[in-house]
Amino acid sequence: MDIFTFPDKAAGGFGYAYIMMAFLFIVAKVTLSKLKKADKKAKEEVARIELKMKQENNVEHKLN
């Protein structure tokens, strides 16, 4: 049996397919939440760098 097909109910051992599906859904949820968190952190970092560059440019223009 592979992950995407279910065994015959009459053959028994049907429960592990549900356990595997639940495990995969949990892994997918954790992965997505980590990716969202990393994306948010990266966007904040880019915004911080852009603000710093903008402030440095303003200081350079005032000095000239």
PDB file of N, CA and C in Angstrom:
ATOM      1  N   MET A   1       0.836  -1.192   0.000  1.00  0.00           N
ATOM      2  CA  MET A   1       0.000   0.000   0.000  1.00  0.00           C
ATOM      3  C   MET A   1       0.874   1.246   0.000  1.00  0.00           C
ATOM      4  N   ASP A   2       0.491   2.191  -0.787  1.00  0.00           N
ATOM      5  CA  ASP A   2       1.193   3.458  -0.735  1.00  0.00           C
ATOM      6  C   ASP A   2       0.342   4.470   0.045  1.00  0.00           C
ATOM      7  N   ILE A   3       0.812   5.659   0.173  1.00  0.00           N
ATOM      8  CA  ILE A   3       0.151   6.662   1.013  1.00  0.00           C
ATOM      9  C   ILE A   3      -1.209   7.066   0.452  1.00  0.00           C
ATOM     10  N   PHE A   4      -1.398   7.042  -0.847  1.00  0.00           N
ATOM     11  CA  PHE A   4      -2.581   7.615  -1.460  1.00  0.00           C
ATOM     12  C   PHE A   4      -3.742   6.643  -1.649  1.00  0.00           C
ATOM     13  N   THR A   5      -3.555   5.377  -1.381  1.00  0.00           N
ATOM     14  CA  THR A   5      -4.649   4.420  -1.500  1.00  0.00           C
ATOM     15  C   THR A   5      -4.915   3.772  -0.150  1.00  0.00           C
ATOM     16  N   PHE A   6      -6.145   3.386   0.065  1.00  0.00           N
ATOM     17  CA  PHE A   6      -6.527   2.750   1.317  1.00  0.00           C
ATOM     18  C   PHE A   6      -6.609   1.240   1.119  1.00  0.00           C
ATOM     19  N   PRO A   7      -6.249   0.494   2.140  1.00  0.00           N
ATOM     20  CA  PRO A   7      -6.387  -0.955   2.034  1.00  0.00           C
ATOM     21  C   PRO A   7      -7.854  -1.354   2.114  1.00  0.00           C
ATOM     22  N   ASP A   8      -8.146  -2.541   1.713  1.00  0.00           N
ATOM     23  CA  ASP A   8      -9.502  -3.069   1.785  1.00  0.00           C
ATOM     24  C   ASP A   8      -9.906  -3.211   3.251  1.00  0.00           C
ATOM     25  N   LYS A   9     -11.123  -2.774   3.586  1.00  0.00           N
ATOM     26  CA  LYS A   9     -11.582  -2.850   4.967  1.00  0.00           C
ATOM     27  C   LYS A   9     -11.607  -4.295   5.466  1.00  0.00           C
ATOM     28  N   ALA A  10     -11.895  -5.217   4.592  1.00  0.00           N
ATOM     29  CA  ALA A  10     -11.979  -6.617   4.994  1.00  0.00           C
ATOM     30  C   ALA A  10     -10.594  -7.192   5.338  1.00  0.00           C
ATOM     31  N   ALA A  11      -9.559  -6.613   4.779  1.00  0.00           N
ATOM     32  CA  ALA A  11      -8.208  -7.115   5.019  1.00  0.00           C
ATOM     33  C   ALA A  11      -7.682  -6.722   6.395  1.00  0.00           C
ATOM     34  N   GLY A  12      -8.306  -5.747   7.022  1.00  0.00           N
ATOM     35  CA  GLY A  12      -7.842  -5.281   8.326  1.00  0.00           C
ATOM     36  C   GLY A  12      -6.690  -4.296   8.174  1.00  0.00           C
ATOM     37  N   GLY A  13      -6.233  -3.744   9.286  1.00  0.00           N
ATOM     38  CA  GLY A  13      -5.136  -2.783   9.233  1.00  0.00           C
ATOM     39  C   GLY A  13      -5.527  -1.474   8.592  1.00  0.00           C
ATOM     40  N   PHE A  14      -6.793  -1.128   8.673  1.00  0.00           N
ATOM     41  CA  PHE A  14      -7.281   0.077   8.009  1.00  0.00           C
ATOM     42  C   PHE A  14      -6.940   1.330   8.803  1.00  0.00           C
ATOM     43  N   GLY A  15      -6.737   1.193  10.093  1.00  0.00           N
ATOM     44  CA  GLY A  15      -6.524   2.351  10.962  1.00  0.00           C
ATOM     45  C   GLY A  15      -5.239   3.100  10.682  1.00  0.00           C
ATOM     46  N   TYR A  16      -4.196   2.418  10.261  1.00  0.00           N
ATOM     47  CA  TYR A  16      -2.933   3.120  10.061  1.00  0.00           C
ATOM     48  C   TYR A  16      -3.008   4.104   8.901  1.00  0.00           C
ATOM     49  N   ALA A  17      -3.904   3.889   7.961  1.00  0.00           N
ATOM     50  CA  ALA A  17      -4.057   4.848   6.863  1.00  0.00           C
ATOM     51  C   ALA A  17      -4.582   6.178   7.404  1.00  0.00           C
ATOM     52  N   TYR A  18      -5.524   6.120   8.337  1.00  0.00           N
ATOM     53  CA  TYR A  18      -6.042   7.345   8.944  1.00  0.00           C
ATOM     54  C   TYR A  18      -4.978   8.021   9.812  1.00  0.00           C
ATOM     55  N   ILE A  19      -4.197   7.214  10.501  1.00  0.00           N
ATOM     56  CA  ILE A  19      -3.126   7.780  11.314  1.00  0.00           C
ATOM     57  C   ILE A  19      -2.106   8.482  10.419  1.00  0.00           C
ATOM     58  N   MET A  20      -1.775   7.868   9.296  1.00  0.00           N
ATOM     59  CA  MET A  20      -0.834   8.468   8.357  1.00  0.00           C
ATOM     60  C   MET A  20      -1.388   9.765   7.776  1.00  0.00           C
ATOM     61  N   MET A  21      -2.665   9.773   7.424  1.00  0.00           N
ATOM     62  CA  MET A  21      -3.281  10.995   6.898  1.00  0.00           C
ATOM     63  C   MET A  21      -3.253  12.102   7.945  1.00  0.00           C
ATOM     64  N   ALA A  22      -3.600  11.783   9.182  1.00  0.00           N
ATOM     65  CA  ALA A  22      -3.587  12.777  10.247  1.00  0.00           C
ATOM     66  C   ALA A  22      -2.172  13.321  10.442  1.00  0.00           C
ATOM     67  N   PHE A  23      -1.195  12.436  10.428  1.00  0.00           N
ATOM     68  CA  PHE A  23       0.200  12.860  10.574  1.00  0.00           C
ATOM     69  C   PHE A  23       0.603  13.802   9.436  1.00  0.00           C
ATOM     70  N   LEU A  24       0.230  13.470   8.214  1.00  0.00           N
ATOM     71  CA  LEU A  24       0.574  14.325   7.069  1.00  0.00           C
ATOM     72  C   LEU A  24      -0.094  15.686   7.159  1.00  0.00           C
ATOM     73  N   PHE A  25      -1.349  15.728   7.615  1.00  0.00           N
ATOM     74  CA  PHE A  25      -2.034  17.009   7.779  1.00  0.00           C
ATOM     75  C   PHE A  25      -1.364  17.855   8.861  1.00  0.00           C
ATOM     76  N   ILE A  26      -0.940  17.217   9.939  1.00  0.00           N
ATOM     77  CA  ILE A  26      -0.252  17.956  11.002  1.00  0.00           C
ATOM     78  C   ILE A  26       1.077  18.503  10.493  1.00  0.00           C
ATOM     79  N   VAL A  27       1.827  17.690   9.775  1.00  0.00           N
ATOM     80  CA  VAL A  27       3.100  18.141   9.210  1.00  0.00           C
ATOM     81  C   VAL A  27       2.873  19.297   8.236  1.00  0.00           C
ATOM     82  N   ALA A  28       1.845  19.197   7.411  1.00  0.00           N
ATOM     83  CA  ALA A  28       1.545  20.272   6.455  1.00  0.00           C
ATOM     84  C   ALA A  28       1.186  21.562   7.189  1.00  0.00           C
ATOM     85  N   LYS A  29       0.397  21.464   8.248  1.00  0.00           N
ATOM     86  CA  LYS A  29       0.003  22.656   9.006  1.00  0.00           C
ATOM     87  C   LYS A  29       1.210  23.309   9.661  1.00  0.00           C
ATOM     88  N   VAL A  30       2.077  22.508  10.262  1.00  0.00           N
ATOM     89  CA  VAL A  30       3.278  23.048  10.902  1.00  0.00           C
ATOM     90  C   VAL A  30       4.189  23.699   9.862  1.00  0.00           C
ATOM     91  N   THR A  31       4.346  23.043   8.720  1.00  0.00           N
ATOM     92  CA  THR A  31       5.191  23.590   7.662  1.00  0.00           C
ATOM     93  C   THR A  31       4.644  24.916   7.159  1.00  0.00           C
ATOM     94  N   LEU A  32       3.345  24.979   6.917  1.00  0.00           N
ATOM     95  CA  LEU A  32       2.750  26.228   6.438  1.00  0.00           C
ATOM     96  C   LEU A  32       2.872  27.342   7.459  1.00  0.00           C
ATOM     97  N   SER A  33       2.668  27.027   8.724  1.00  0.00           N
ATOM     98  CA  SER A  33       2.783  28.074   9.742  1.00  0.00           C
ATOM     99  C   SER A  33       4.216  28.586   9.843  1.00  0.00           C
ATOM    100  N   LYS A  34       5.196  27.696   9.716  1.00  0.00           N
ATOM    101  CA  LYS A  34       6.591  28.129   9.739  1.00  0.00           C
ATOM    102  C   LYS A  34       6.923  28.985   8.519  1.00  0.00           C
ATOM    103  N   LEU A  35       6.399  28.597   7.368  1.00  0.00           N
ATOM    104  CA  LEU A  35       6.641  29.390   6.161  1.00  0.00           C
ATOM    105  C   LEU A  35       6.009  30.771   6.258  1.00  0.00           C
ATOM    106  N   LYS A  36       4.799  30.836   6.797  1.00  0.00           N
ATOM    107  CA  LYS A  36       4.142  32.136   6.972  1.00  0.00           C
ATOM    108  C   LYS A  36       4.921  33.017   7.933  1.00  0.00           C
ATOM    109  N   LYS A  37       5.405  32.418   9.026  1.00  0.00           N
ATOM    110  CA  LYS A  37       6.178  33.172  10.010  1.00  0.00           C
ATOM    111  C   LYS A  37       7.475  33.683   9.388  1.00  0.00           C
ATOM    112  N   ALA A  38       8.158  32.836   8.618  1.00  0.00           N
ATOM    113  CA  ALA A  38       9.398  33.237   7.972  1.00  0.00           C
ATOM    114  C   ALA A  38       9.157  34.340   6.942  1.00  0.00           C
ATOM    115  N   ASP A  39       8.050  34.251   6.212  1.00  0.00           N
ATOM    116  CA  ASP A  39       7.717  35.268   5.221  1.00  0.00           C
ATOM    117  C   ASP A  39       7.453  36.607   5.909  1.00  0.00           C
ATOM    118  N   LYS A  40       6.716  36.566   7.000  1.00  0.00           N
ATOM    119  CA  LYS A  40       6.418  37.795   7.743  1.00  0.00           C
ATOM    120  C   LYS A  40       7.706  38.415   8.281  1.00  0.00           C
ATOM    121  N   LYS A  41       8.591  37.585   8.802  1.00  0.00           N
ATOM    122  CA  LYS A  41       9.861  38.070   9.334  1.00  0.00           C
ATOM    123  C   LYS A  41      10.718  38.680   8.222  1.00  0.00           C
ATOM    124  N   ALA A  42      10.730  38.045   7.064  1.00  0.00           N
ATOM    125  CA  ALA A  42      11.514  38.563   5.932  1.00  0.00           C
ATOM    126  C   ALA A  42      10.967  39.904   5.459  1.00  0.00           C
ATOM    127  N   LYS A  43       9.639  40.031   5.406  1.00  0.00           N
ATOM    128  CA  LYS A  43       9.042  41.307   4.992  1.00  0.00           C
ATOM    129  C   LYS A  43       9.365  42.414   5.985  1.00  0.00           C
ATOM    130  N   GLU A  44       9.340  42.096   7.273  1.00  0.00           N
ATOM    131  CA  GLU A  44       9.691  43.088   8.289  1.00  0.00           C
ATOM    132  C   GLU A  44      11.157  43.494   8.162  1.00  0.00           C
ATOM    133  N   GLU A  45      12.022  42.534   7.871  1.00  0.00           N
ATOM    134  CA  GLU A  45      13.444  42.824   7.700  1.00  0.00           C
ATOM    135  C   GLU A  45      13.669  43.725   6.490  1.00  0.00           C
ATOM    136  N   VAL A  46      12.980  43.455   5.392  1.00  0.00           N
ATOM    137  CA  VAL A  46      13.104  44.291   4.188  1.00  0.00           C
ATOM    138  C   VAL A  46      12.617  45.696   4.481  1.00  0.00           C
ATOM    139  N   ALA A  47      11.502  45.814   5.184  1.00  0.00           N
ATOM    140  CA  ALA A  47      10.977  47.137   5.522  1.00  0.00           C
ATOM    141  C   ALA A  47      11.952  47.893   6.417  1.00  0.00           C
ATOM    142  N   ARG A  48      12.571  47.191   7.366  1.00  0.00           N
ATOM    143  CA  ARG A  48      13.538  47.824   8.258  1.00  0.00           C
ATOM    144  C   ARG A  48      14.754  48.310   7.470  1.00  0.00           C
ATOM    145  N   ILE A  49      15.240  47.498   6.547  1.00  0.00           N
ATOM    146  CA  ILE A  49      16.403  47.884   5.741  1.00  0.00           C
ATOM    147  C   ILE A  49      16.063  49.067   4.836  1.00  0.00           C
ATOM    148  N   GLU A  50      14.872  49.039   4.235  1.00  0.00           N
ATOM    149  CA  GLU A  50      14.466  50.155   3.372  1.00  0.00           C
ATOM    150  C   GLU A  50      14.364  51.447   4.161  1.00  0.00           C
ATOM    151  N   LEU A  51      13.815  51.373   5.368  1.00  0.00           N
ATOM    152  CA  LEU A  51      13.703  52.563   6.211  1.00  0.00           C
ATOM    153  C   LEU A  51      15.084  53.088   6.579  1.00  0.00           C
ATOM    154  N   LYS A  52      16.002  52.197   6.904  1.00  0.00           N
ATOM    155  CA  LYS A  52      17.370  52.595   7.250  1.00  0.00           C
ATOM    156  C   LYS A  52      18.044  53.269   6.064  1.00  0.00           C
ATOM    157  N   MET A  53      17.877  52.693   4.869  1.00  0.00           N
ATOM    158  CA  MET A  53      18.477  53.281   3.670  1.00  0.00           C
ATOM    159  C   MET A  53      17.884  54.657   3.379  1.00  0.00           C
ATOM    160  N   LYS A  54      16.580  54.778   3.580  1.00  0.00           N
ATOM    161  CA  LYS A  54      15.911  56.058   3.336  1.00  0.00           C
ATOM    162  C   LYS A  54      16.427  57.116   4.302  1.00  0.00           C
ATOM    163  N   GLN A  55      16.605  56.729   5.554  1.00  0.00           N
ATOM    164  CA  GLN A  55      17.118  57.679   6.547  1.00  0.00           C
ATOM    165  C   GLN A  55      18.556  58.079   6.214  1.00  0.00           C
ATOM    166  N   GLU A  56      19.378  57.139   5.786  1.00  0.00           N
ATOM    167  CA  GLU A  56      20.757  57.452   5.410  1.00  0.00           C
ATOM    168  C   GLU A  56      20.800  58.384   4.210  1.00  0.00           C
ATOM    169  N   ASN A  57      19.905  58.175   3.253  1.00  0.00           N
ATOM    170  CA  ASN A  57      19.857  59.051   2.083  1.00  0.00           C
ATOM    171  C   ASN A  57      19.439  60.458   2.477  1.00  0.00           C
ATOM    172  N   ASN A  58      18.498  60.574   3.401  1.00  0.00           N
ATOM    173  CA  ASN A  58      18.060  61.896   3.855  1.00  0.00           C
ATOM    174  C   ASN A  58      19.202  62.626   4.553  1.00  0.00           C
ATOM    175  N   VAL A  59      19.991  61.929   5.349  1.00  0.00           N
ATOM    176  CA  VAL A  59      21.127  62.547   6.040  1.00  0.00           C
ATOM    177  C   VAL A  59      22.176  63.002   5.034  1.00  0.00           C
ATOM    178  N   GLU A  60      22.437  62.191   4.015  1.00  0.00           N
ATOM    179  CA  GLU A  60      23.434  62.555   2.991  1.00  0.00           C
ATOM    180  C   GLU A  60      22.987  63.784   2.222  1.00  0.00           C
ATOM    181  N   HIS A  61      21.686  63.882   1.901  1.00  0.00           N
ATOM    182  CA  HIS A  61      21.187  65.053   1.165  1.00  0.00           C
ATOM    183  C   HIS A  61      21.261  66.303   2.027  1.00  0.00           C
ATOM    184  N   LYS A  62      21.051  66.184   3.312  1.00  0.00           N
ATOM    185  CA  LYS A  62      21.121  67.363   4.183  1.00  0.00           C
ATOM    186  C   LYS A  62      22.551  67.856   4.332  1.00  0.00           C
ATOM    187  N   LEU A  63      23.524  66.931   4.279  1.00  0.00           N
ATOM    188  CA  LEU A  63      24.914  67.318   4.394  1.00  0.00           C
ATOM    189  C   LEU A  63      25.417  68.011   3.132  1.00  0.00           C
ATOM    190  N   ASN A  64      24.854  67.668   1.988  1.00  0.00           N
ATOM    191  CA  ASN A  64      25.311  68.273   0.716  1.00  0.00           C
ATOM    192  C   ASN A  64      24.667  69.561   0.507  1.00  0.00           C
TER     193      ASN A  64
END
